[in-house]
């Protein structure tokens, strides 16, 4: 999760600070973002194998097309598949991450749905939309990852720190 969050936040930062990107910058940034997201999804093994494959194909498609419309279409298809399957995964799971999967799925589907409407506005607008979705997802996944890490440490470490003289029952 933390790897995926880092990928999304790095991509989001690039989209914010690149003042006037060309179509080639758009294609490379989105293509590499989708490939890195596919790698992170593959490593997590939480989603079916088809998901990282489709997202990776979307990244390759963005790199090959080198056009606003081609990048928008590639990213739209990749994010739509990713988002729908994350949403379904969130509905099926009843663990601490179910809500995060639902939210991430909605963000990815939302980004995919509105991306084509910005194609005519050029590379800067497309990077803004894709980067905005990436930042929202990145913040969500970093909070999820840090929460899981914290829960794992406190759960396996026994009783959390309590006030001096307090009994273990007072902490629970």
N, C-alpha and C. Protein backbone atom coordinates (compact mmCIF):
# COMPACT_ATOMS: atom_id res chain seq x y z
N UNK A 1 0.80 -1.19 0.00
CA UNK A 1 0.00 0.00 0.00
C UNK A 1 0.85 1.26 0.00
N UNK A 2 1.90 1.22 0.80
CA UNK A 2 2.75 2.40 0.87
C UNK A 2 3.49 2.63 -0.44
N UNK A 3 3.80 1.57 -1.16
CA UNK A 3 4.44 1.73 -2.46
C UNK A 3 3.46 2.37 -3.44
N UNK A 4 2.25 1.87 -3.44
CA UNK A 4 1.23 2.45 -4.33
C UNK A 4 0.96 3.90 -3.98
N UNK A 5 0.91 4.21 -2.70
CA UNK A 5 0.71 5.59 -2.27
C UNK A 5 1.85 6.48 -2.75
N UNK A 6 3.06 5.99 -2.63
CA UNK A 6 4.22 6.77 -3.05
C UNK A 6 4.19 7.03 -4.56
N UNK A 7 3.85 6.01 -5.32
CA UNK A 7 3.74 6.16 -6.78
C UNK A 7 2.71 7.23 -7.12
N UNK A 8 1.55 7.15 -6.50
CA UNK A 8 0.47 8.10 -6.79
C UNK A 8 0.85 9.52 -6.38
N UNK A 9 1.46 9.66 -5.22
CA UNK A 9 1.83 11.00 -4.75
C UNK A 9 2.96 11.60 -5.58
N UNK A 10 3.90 10.80 -6.02
CA UNK A 10 4.96 11.31 -6.90
C UNK A 10 4.38 11.78 -8.23
N UNK A 11 3.49 10.98 -8.79
CA UNK A 11 2.84 11.38 -10.05
C UNK A 11 2.04 12.66 -9.84
N UNK A 12 1.30 12.73 -8.75
CA UNK A 12 0.52 13.93 -8.46
C UNK A 12 1.40 15.16 -8.32
N UNK A 13 2.55 15.01 -7.67
CA UNK A 13 3.47 16.15 -7.51
C UNK A 13 4.02 16.60 -8.87
N UNK A 14 4.32 15.65 -9.74
CA UNK A 14 4.80 16.00 -11.07
C UNK A 14 3.75 16.80 -11.83
N UNK A 15 2.49 16.37 -11.71
CA UNK A 15 1.43 17.06 -12.45
C UNK A 15 1.19 18.46 -11.91
N UNK A 16 1.44 18.67 -10.63
CA UNK A 16 1.23 19.99 -10.05
C UNK A 16 2.33 20.96 -10.48
N UNK A 17 3.57 20.49 -10.47
CA UNK A 17 4.68 21.40 -10.67
C UNK A 17 5.16 21.54 -12.11
N UNK A 18 4.58 20.78 -13.04
CA UNK A 18 4.97 20.93 -14.44
C UNK A 18 4.08 21.99 -15.05
N UNK A 19 4.65 23.16 -15.35
CA UNK A 19 3.86 24.32 -15.75
C UNK A 19 3.18 24.17 -17.11
N UNK A 20 3.91 23.78 -18.12
CA UNK A 20 3.30 23.65 -19.44
C UNK A 20 3.83 22.39 -20.12
N UNK A 21 3.22 21.25 -19.79
CA UNK A 21 3.69 19.98 -20.34
C UNK A 21 3.30 19.80 -21.81
N UNK A 22 4.16 19.13 -22.53
CA UNK A 22 3.85 18.79 -23.91
C UNK A 22 3.09 17.46 -23.92
N UNK A 23 2.64 17.06 -25.08
CA UNK A 23 1.95 15.79 -25.20
C UNK A 23 2.89 14.63 -24.88
N UNK A 24 4.17 14.82 -25.16
CA UNK A 24 5.15 13.76 -24.87
C UNK A 24 5.35 13.60 -23.36
N UNK A 25 5.37 14.72 -22.65
CA UNK A 25 5.46 14.67 -21.19
C UNK A 25 4.22 13.98 -20.63
N UNK A 26 3.05 14.32 -21.16
CA UNK A 26 1.80 13.68 -20.76
C UNK A 26 1.88 12.18 -20.96
N UNK A 27 2.29 11.76 -22.14
CA UNK A 27 2.34 10.33 -22.46
C UNK A 27 3.31 9.59 -21.55
N UNK A 28 4.50 10.15 -21.35
CA UNK A 28 5.49 9.49 -20.50
C UNK A 28 5.07 9.48 -19.04
N UNK A 29 4.54 10.60 -18.56
CA UNK A 29 4.14 10.67 -17.15
C UNK A 29 3.00 9.71 -16.85
N UNK A 30 1.96 9.73 -17.67
CA UNK A 30 0.81 8.85 -17.44
C UNK A 30 1.21 7.40 -17.68
N UNK A 31 1.98 7.14 -18.73
CA UNK A 31 2.40 5.78 -19.02
C UNK A 31 3.22 5.18 -17.88
N UNK A 32 4.20 5.92 -17.40
CA UNK A 32 5.02 5.43 -16.29
C UNK A 32 4.22 5.31 -15.00
N UNK A 33 3.29 6.23 -14.78
CA UNK A 33 2.42 6.15 -13.59
C UNK A 33 1.58 4.87 -13.63
N UNK A 34 1.00 4.58 -14.77
CA UNK A 34 0.18 3.37 -14.87
C UNK A 34 1.02 2.11 -14.74
N UNK A 35 2.21 2.11 -15.33
CA UNK A 35 3.09 0.94 -15.19
C UNK A 35 3.52 0.75 -13.73
N UNK A 36 3.86 1.84 -13.05
CA UNK A 36 4.25 1.73 -11.64
C UNK A 36 3.07 1.31 -10.77
N UNK A 37 1.88 1.81 -11.08
CA UNK A 37 0.68 1.41 -10.35
C UNK A 37 0.40 -0.08 -10.57
N UNK A 38 0.59 -0.55 -11.79
CA UNK A 38 0.42 -1.97 -12.08
C UNK A 38 1.42 -2.80 -11.28
N UNK A 39 2.65 -2.33 -11.20
CA UNK A 39 3.66 -3.03 -10.40
C UNK A 39 3.29 -3.09 -8.93
N UNK A 40 2.79 -1.97 -8.40
CA UNK A 40 2.38 -1.95 -6.99
C UNK A 40 1.18 -2.86 -6.76
N UNK A 41 0.24 -2.88 -7.69
CA UNK A 41 -0.93 -3.76 -7.56
C UNK A 41 -0.50 -5.22 -7.66
N UNK A 42 0.47 -5.51 -8.50
CA UNK A 42 0.99 -6.87 -8.63
C UNK A 42 1.64 -7.32 -7.33
N UNK A 43 2.43 -6.43 -6.74
CA UNK A 43 3.14 -6.76 -5.50
C UNK A 43 2.19 -6.98 -4.33
N UNK A 44 1.08 -6.25 -4.32
CA UNK A 44 0.15 -6.37 -3.19
C UNK A 44 -0.63 -7.68 -3.24
N UNK A 45 -0.86 -8.20 -4.42
CA UNK A 45 -1.58 -9.45 -4.62
C UNK A 45 -3.00 -9.42 -4.02
N UNK A 46 -3.53 -8.23 -3.80
CA UNK A 46 -4.87 -8.13 -3.24
C UNK A 46 -5.94 -8.25 -4.33
N UNK A 47 -5.60 -7.82 -5.54
CA UNK A 47 -6.55 -7.84 -6.64
C UNK A 47 -6.22 -8.98 -7.59
N UNK A 48 -7.17 -9.39 -8.42
CA UNK A 48 -6.88 -10.44 -9.40
C UNK A 48 -5.73 -10.06 -10.32
N UNK A 49 -5.04 -11.04 -10.84
CA UNK A 49 -3.87 -10.82 -11.69
C UNK A 49 -4.22 -10.00 -12.93
N UNK A 50 -5.45 -10.11 -13.40
CA UNK A 50 -5.84 -9.37 -14.61
C UNK A 50 -5.77 -7.86 -14.40
N UNK A 51 -5.96 -7.40 -13.18
CA UNK A 51 -5.97 -5.95 -12.92
C UNK A 51 -4.62 -5.32 -13.24
N UNK A 52 -3.51 -5.80 -12.64
CA UNK A 52 -2.23 -5.17 -13.00
C UNK A 52 -1.89 -5.33 -14.48
N UNK A 53 -2.34 -6.41 -15.09
CA UNK A 53 -2.07 -6.61 -16.52
C UNK A 53 -2.78 -5.54 -17.34
N UNK A 54 -4.06 -5.29 -17.05
CA UNK A 54 -4.82 -4.28 -17.79
C UNK A 54 -4.24 -2.89 -17.53
N UNK A 55 -3.88 -2.59 -16.30
CA UNK A 55 -3.31 -1.28 -15.98
C UNK A 55 -1.96 -1.11 -16.69
N UNK A 56 -1.16 -2.15 -16.72
CA UNK A 56 0.12 -2.09 -17.44
C UNK A 56 -0.10 -1.88 -18.94
N UNK A 57 -1.09 -2.56 -19.50
CA UNK A 57 -1.39 -2.36 -20.92
C UNK A 57 -1.84 -0.93 -21.18
N UNK A 58 -2.58 -0.35 -20.24
CA UNK A 58 -2.96 1.06 -20.36
C UNK A 58 -1.73 1.97 -20.35
N UNK A 59 -0.77 1.64 -19.50
CA UNK A 59 0.47 2.42 -19.47
C UNK A 59 1.25 2.30 -20.76
N UNK A 60 1.33 1.09 -21.29
CA UNK A 60 2.01 0.89 -22.57
C UNK A 60 1.27 1.63 -23.68
N UNK A 61 -0.05 1.57 -23.64
CA UNK A 61 -0.85 2.29 -24.64
C UNK A 61 -0.60 3.79 -24.59
N UNK A 62 -0.49 4.34 -23.40
CA UNK A 62 -0.22 5.78 -23.26
C UNK A 62 1.16 6.12 -23.83
N UNK A 63 2.13 5.24 -23.58
CA UNK A 63 3.48 5.49 -24.09
C UNK A 63 3.55 5.39 -25.61
N UNK A 64 2.78 4.47 -26.18
CA UNK A 64 2.83 4.24 -27.62
C UNK A 64 2.08 5.33 -28.39
N UNK A 65 0.91 5.73 -27.90
CA UNK A 65 0.07 6.65 -28.67
C UNK A 65 0.67 8.05 -28.80
N UNK A 66 1.24 8.56 -27.74
CA UNK A 66 1.86 9.89 -27.76
C UNK A 66 0.90 10.96 -28.29
N UNK A 67 -0.38 10.85 -27.95
CA UNK A 67 -1.37 11.87 -28.33
C UNK A 67 -2.30 12.09 -27.15
N UNK A 68 -2.91 13.28 -27.10
CA UNK A 68 -3.84 13.58 -26.01
C UNK A 68 -4.97 12.57 -25.95
N UNK A 69 -5.59 12.31 -27.10
CA UNK A 69 -6.73 11.38 -27.15
C UNK A 69 -6.29 9.95 -26.81
N UNK A 70 -5.14 9.53 -27.31
CA UNK A 70 -4.66 8.18 -27.03
C UNK A 70 -4.32 7.97 -25.56
N UNK A 71 -3.68 8.96 -24.97
CA UNK A 71 -3.34 8.87 -23.54
C UNK A 71 -4.61 8.88 -22.71
N UNK A 72 -5.55 9.76 -23.05
CA UNK A 72 -6.80 9.83 -22.30
C UNK A 72 -7.57 8.52 -22.38
N UNK A 73 -7.63 7.93 -23.56
CA UNK A 73 -8.34 6.66 -23.73
C UNK A 73 -7.63 5.52 -22.98
N UNK A 74 -6.32 5.45 -23.09
CA UNK A 74 -5.56 4.41 -22.39
C UNK A 74 -5.72 4.52 -20.89
N UNK A 75 -5.58 5.74 -20.39
CA UNK A 75 -5.71 5.96 -18.94
C UNK A 75 -7.15 5.69 -18.49
N UNK A 76 -8.12 6.11 -19.29
CA UNK A 76 -9.51 5.89 -18.93
C UNK A 76 -9.81 4.41 -18.78
N UNK A 77 -9.40 3.61 -19.74
CA UNK A 77 -9.67 2.17 -19.69
C UNK A 77 -8.95 1.52 -18.50
N UNK A 78 -7.69 1.87 -18.30
CA UNK A 78 -6.92 1.28 -17.20
C UNK A 78 -7.52 1.66 -15.85
N UNK A 79 -7.84 2.94 -15.67
CA UNK A 79 -8.39 3.39 -14.39
C UNK A 79 -9.80 2.87 -14.16
N UNK A 80 -10.55 2.71 -15.23
CA UNK A 80 -11.91 2.17 -15.10
C UNK A 80 -11.87 0.72 -14.61
N UNK A 81 -11.03 -0.09 -15.22
CA UNK A 81 -10.89 -1.49 -14.78
C UNK A 81 -10.37 -1.55 -13.35
N UNK A 82 -9.33 -0.78 -13.07
CA UNK A 82 -8.77 -0.75 -11.72
C UNK A 82 -9.82 -0.34 -10.70
N UNK A 83 -10.53 0.74 -10.99
CA UNK A 83 -11.52 1.26 -10.05
C UNK A 83 -12.69 0.33 -9.83
N UNK A 84 -13.21 -0.25 -10.90
CA UNK A 84 -14.34 -1.17 -10.75
C UNK A 84 -13.97 -2.39 -9.92
N UNK A 85 -12.79 -2.94 -10.18
CA UNK A 85 -12.39 -4.13 -9.43
C UNK A 85 -12.00 -3.79 -7.99
N UNK A 86 -11.47 -2.61 -7.75
CA UNK A 86 -11.23 -2.19 -6.36
C UNK A 86 -12.55 -2.03 -5.62
N UNK A 87 -13.53 -1.46 -6.30
CA UNK A 87 -14.84 -1.27 -5.68
C UNK A 87 -15.47 -2.62 -5.34
N UNK A 88 -15.42 -3.55 -6.27
CA UNK A 88 -15.97 -4.90 -6.03
C UNK A 88 -15.20 -5.57 -4.90
N UNK A 89 -13.89 -5.43 -4.89
CA UNK A 89 -13.06 -6.00 -3.82
C UNK A 89 -13.48 -5.42 -2.47
N UNK A 90 -13.76 -4.14 -2.43
CA UNK A 90 -14.21 -3.51 -1.19
C UNK A 90 -15.57 -4.00 -0.73
N UNK A 91 -16.45 -4.29 -1.68
CA UNK A 91 -17.76 -4.83 -1.32
C UNK A 91 -17.67 -6.25 -0.79
N UNK A 92 -16.76 -7.03 -1.34
CA UNK A 92 -16.64 -8.44 -0.94
C UNK A 92 -15.91 -8.62 0.38
N UNK A 93 -14.95 -7.78 0.65
CA UNK A 93 -14.13 -7.93 1.86
C UNK A 93 -14.83 -7.28 3.05
N UNK A 94 -14.65 -7.87 4.17
CA UNK A 94 -15.18 -7.30 5.41
C UNK A 94 -14.04 -7.10 6.40
N UNK A 95 -12.96 -6.51 5.92
CA UNK A 95 -11.82 -6.27 6.80
C UNK A 95 -11.64 -4.77 7.01
N UNK A 96 -10.54 -4.40 7.63
CA UNK A 96 -10.31 -3.00 7.95
C UNK A 96 -10.05 -2.15 6.71
N UNK A 97 -9.75 -2.76 5.57
CA UNK A 97 -9.47 -2.00 4.36
C UNK A 97 -10.65 -1.92 3.39
N UNK A 98 -11.75 -2.54 3.72
CA UNK A 98 -12.89 -2.59 2.79
C UNK A 98 -13.33 -1.19 2.38
N UNK A 99 -13.45 -0.32 3.33
CA UNK A 99 -13.89 1.05 3.03
C UNK A 99 -12.86 1.77 2.15
N UNK A 100 -11.58 1.52 2.40
CA UNK A 100 -10.53 2.15 1.60
C UNK A 100 -10.57 1.66 0.16
N UNK A 101 -10.83 0.36 -0.04
CA UNK A 101 -10.96 -0.17 -1.39
C UNK A 101 -12.15 0.48 -2.10
N UNK A 102 -13.26 0.66 -1.38
CA UNK A 102 -14.44 1.29 -1.98
C UNK A 102 -14.12 2.72 -2.42
N UNK A 103 -13.50 3.49 -1.53
CA UNK A 103 -13.19 4.88 -1.84
C UNK A 103 -12.20 4.96 -3.00
N UNK A 104 -11.17 4.15 -2.96
CA UNK A 104 -10.18 4.15 -4.03
C UNK A 104 -10.82 3.78 -5.36
N UNK A 105 -11.73 2.81 -5.34
CA UNK A 105 -12.44 2.43 -6.55
C UNK A 105 -13.28 3.57 -7.10
N UNK A 106 -13.96 4.28 -6.23
CA UNK A 106 -14.78 5.41 -6.66
C UNK A 106 -13.91 6.52 -7.25
N UNK A 107 -12.79 6.79 -6.62
CA UNK A 107 -11.88 7.82 -7.13
C UNK A 107 -11.34 7.43 -8.51
N UNK A 108 -10.94 6.18 -8.66
CA UNK A 108 -10.40 5.73 -9.95
C UNK A 108 -11.47 5.76 -11.05
N UNK A 109 -12.67 5.29 -10.73
CA UNK A 109 -13.75 5.32 -11.71
C UNK A 109 -14.13 6.77 -12.04
N UNK A 110 -14.20 7.61 -11.02
CA UNK A 110 -14.51 9.02 -11.26
C UNK A 110 -13.49 9.69 -12.15
N UNK A 111 -12.22 9.42 -11.89
CA UNK A 111 -11.16 9.98 -12.73
C UNK A 111 -11.29 9.47 -14.16
N UNK A 112 -11.56 8.18 -14.31
CA UNK A 112 -11.71 7.59 -15.64
C UNK A 112 -12.89 8.20 -16.40
N UNK A 113 -13.98 8.43 -15.70
CA UNK A 113 -15.18 8.95 -16.35
C UNK A 113 -15.00 10.40 -16.81
N UNK A 114 -14.34 11.23 -16.00
CA UNK A 114 -14.22 12.64 -16.40
C UNK A 114 -13.02 12.93 -17.29
N UNK A 115 -12.06 12.02 -17.36
CA UNK A 115 -10.86 12.24 -18.16
C UNK A 115 -11.16 12.57 -19.64
N UNK A 116 -12.04 11.84 -20.32
CA UNK A 116 -12.28 12.14 -21.73
C UNK A 116 -12.86 13.54 -21.98
N UNK A 117 -13.53 14.12 -21.01
CA UNK A 117 -14.10 15.45 -21.19
C UNK A 117 -13.03 16.54 -21.23
N UNK A 118 -11.82 16.22 -20.83
CA UNK A 118 -10.74 17.20 -20.80
C UNK A 118 -9.74 16.99 -21.93
N UNK A 119 -10.01 16.05 -22.82
CA UNK A 119 -9.08 15.75 -23.90
C UNK A 119 -8.83 16.96 -24.79
N UNK A 120 -9.87 17.68 -25.12
CA UNK A 120 -9.71 18.84 -26.01
C UNK A 120 -8.96 19.99 -25.37
N UNK A 121 -8.81 19.96 -24.06
CA UNK A 121 -8.10 21.05 -23.37
C UNK A 121 -6.59 20.84 -23.32
N UNK A 122 -6.12 19.68 -23.73
CA UNK A 122 -4.70 19.47 -23.86
C UNK A 122 -4.05 18.74 -22.70
N UNK A 123 -2.73 18.66 -22.81
CA UNK A 123 -1.92 17.87 -21.88
C UNK A 123 -2.01 18.39 -20.45
N UNK A 124 -1.99 19.69 -20.28
CA UNK A 124 -2.02 20.26 -18.92
C UNK A 124 -3.29 19.87 -18.19
N UNK A 125 -4.43 19.96 -18.87
CA UNK A 125 -5.71 19.60 -18.25
C UNK A 125 -5.78 18.11 -17.95
N UNK A 126 -5.31 17.29 -18.89
CA UNK A 126 -5.34 15.84 -18.66
C UNK A 126 -4.44 15.44 -17.49
N UNK A 127 -3.27 16.06 -17.41
CA UNK A 127 -2.39 15.77 -16.27
C UNK A 127 -3.03 16.25 -14.97
N UNK A 128 -3.73 17.36 -15.03
CA UNK A 128 -4.40 17.87 -13.83
C UNK A 128 -5.47 16.93 -13.31
N UNK A 129 -6.28 16.40 -14.22
CA UNK A 129 -7.34 15.47 -13.82
C UNK A 129 -6.74 14.16 -13.29
N UNK A 130 -5.81 13.59 -14.06
CA UNK A 130 -5.19 12.33 -13.63
C UNK A 130 -4.40 12.53 -12.34
N UNK A 131 -3.69 13.64 -12.24
CA UNK A 131 -2.91 13.92 -11.04
C UNK A 131 -3.79 14.18 -9.82
N UNK A 132 -4.93 14.82 -10.02
CA UNK A 132 -5.85 15.05 -8.91
C UNK A 132 -6.37 13.74 -8.34
N UNK A 133 -6.75 12.83 -9.22
CA UNK A 133 -7.19 11.51 -8.76
C UNK A 133 -6.07 10.75 -8.07
N UNK A 134 -4.86 10.89 -8.60
CA UNK A 134 -3.71 10.20 -8.01
C UNK A 134 -3.41 10.74 -6.62
N UNK A 135 -3.50 12.03 -6.43
CA UNK A 135 -3.23 12.62 -5.12
C UNK A 135 -4.26 12.14 -4.09
N UNK A 136 -5.52 12.13 -4.48
CA UNK A 136 -6.56 11.65 -3.56
C UNK A 136 -6.31 10.20 -3.19
N UNK A 137 -6.03 9.37 -4.19
CA UNK A 137 -5.74 7.95 -3.93
C UNK A 137 -4.47 7.79 -3.11
N UNK A 138 -3.46 8.58 -3.42
CA UNK A 138 -2.20 8.48 -2.69
C UNK A 138 -2.34 8.81 -1.22
N UNK A 139 -3.10 9.86 -0.93
CA UNK A 139 -3.33 10.22 0.47
C UNK A 139 -4.13 9.12 1.17
N UNK A 140 -5.14 8.60 0.50
CA UNK A 140 -5.94 7.52 1.07
C UNK A 140 -5.07 6.31 1.40
N UNK A 141 -4.25 5.88 0.44
CA UNK A 141 -3.44 4.68 0.64
C UNK A 141 -2.31 4.89 1.63
N UNK A 142 -1.77 6.09 1.72
CA UNK A 142 -0.71 6.30 2.72
C UNK A 142 -1.32 6.27 4.12
N UNK A 143 -2.49 6.85 4.27
CA UNK A 143 -3.16 6.78 5.58
C UNK A 143 -3.53 5.35 5.93
N UNK A 144 -4.00 4.59 4.95
CA UNK A 144 -4.33 3.18 5.19
C UNK A 144 -3.10 2.37 5.58
N UNK A 145 -2.04 2.57 4.82
CA UNK A 145 -0.81 1.83 5.10
C UNK A 145 -0.23 2.16 6.46
N UNK A 146 -0.21 3.43 6.80
CA UNK A 146 0.32 3.82 8.11
C UNK A 146 -0.58 3.33 9.24
N UNK A 147 -1.89 3.34 9.02
CA UNK A 147 -2.81 2.83 10.04
C UNK A 147 -2.60 1.34 10.25
N UNK A 148 -2.46 0.59 9.16
CA UNK A 148 -2.21 -0.85 9.30
C UNK A 148 -0.89 -1.12 10.00
N UNK A 149 0.12 -0.35 9.66
CA UNK A 149 1.42 -0.53 10.31
C UNK A 149 1.31 -0.24 11.81
N UNK A 150 0.59 0.82 12.15
CA UNK A 150 0.40 1.16 13.57
C UNK A 150 -0.39 0.08 14.29
N UNK A 151 -1.47 -0.38 13.66
CA UNK A 151 -2.29 -1.44 14.27
C UNK A 151 -1.49 -2.72 14.46
N UNK A 152 -0.63 -3.04 13.51
CA UNK A 152 0.17 -4.25 13.62
C UNK A 152 1.17 -4.14 14.77
N UNK A 153 1.74 -2.97 14.93
CA UNK A 153 2.70 -2.79 16.02
C UNK A 153 2.03 -2.83 17.38
N UNK A 154 0.90 -2.18 17.52
CA UNK A 154 0.23 -2.18 18.82
C UNK A 154 -0.44 -3.51 19.10
N UNK A 155 -0.91 -4.18 18.06
CA UNK A 155 -1.55 -5.48 18.24
C UNK A 155 -0.57 -6.57 18.62
N UNK A 156 0.61 -6.56 18.02
CA UNK A 156 1.58 -7.61 18.32
C UNK A 156 2.47 -7.24 19.49
N UNK A 157 2.52 -5.96 19.81
CA UNK A 157 3.38 -5.53 20.90
C UNK A 157 2.73 -5.67 22.25
N UNK A 158 1.50 -6.06 22.29
CA UNK A 158 0.82 -6.22 23.57
C UNK A 158 0.07 -4.97 23.94
N UNK A 159 0.17 -4.59 25.20
CA UNK A 159 -0.58 -3.45 25.73
C UNK A 159 0.11 -2.16 25.34
N UNK A 160 -0.70 -1.19 24.90
CA UNK A 160 -0.16 0.12 24.57
C UNK A 160 0.28 0.82 25.85
N UNK A 161 1.06 1.87 25.65
CA UNK A 161 1.54 2.62 26.81
C UNK A 161 0.37 3.23 27.55
N UNK A 162 0.36 3.09 28.84
CA UNK A 162 -0.71 3.63 29.67
C UNK A 162 -0.09 4.61 30.66
N UNK A 163 -0.96 5.29 31.36
CA UNK A 163 -0.50 6.21 32.40
C UNK A 163 0.23 5.42 33.47
N UNK A 164 1.25 6.02 34.08
CA UNK A 164 1.98 5.30 35.12
C UNK A 164 1.03 4.80 36.21
N UNK A 165 1.17 3.54 36.56
CA UNK A 165 0.38 2.97 37.62
C UNK A 165 -0.96 2.42 37.16
N UNK A 166 -1.32 2.61 35.87
CA UNK A 166 -2.61 2.12 35.38
C UNK A 166 -2.52 0.63 35.10
N UNK A 167 -3.60 -0.06 35.31
CA UNK A 167 -3.64 -1.50 35.06
C UNK A 167 -3.85 -1.76 33.58
N UNK A 168 -3.49 -2.95 33.07
CA UNK A 168 -3.71 -3.27 31.67
C UNK A 168 -5.19 -3.17 31.28
N UNK A 169 -6.10 -3.45 32.20
CA UNK A 169 -7.53 -3.37 31.89
C UNK A 169 -7.96 -1.93 31.63
N UNK A 170 -7.27 -0.97 32.22
CA UNK A 170 -7.64 0.43 32.02
C UNK A 170 -7.34 0.87 30.60
N UNK A 171 -6.34 0.27 29.97
CA UNK A 171 -5.99 0.63 28.60
C UNK A 171 -7.04 0.11 27.63
N UNK A 172 -7.52 -1.09 27.87
CA UNK A 172 -8.51 -1.68 26.98
C UNK A 172 -9.83 -1.04 27.22
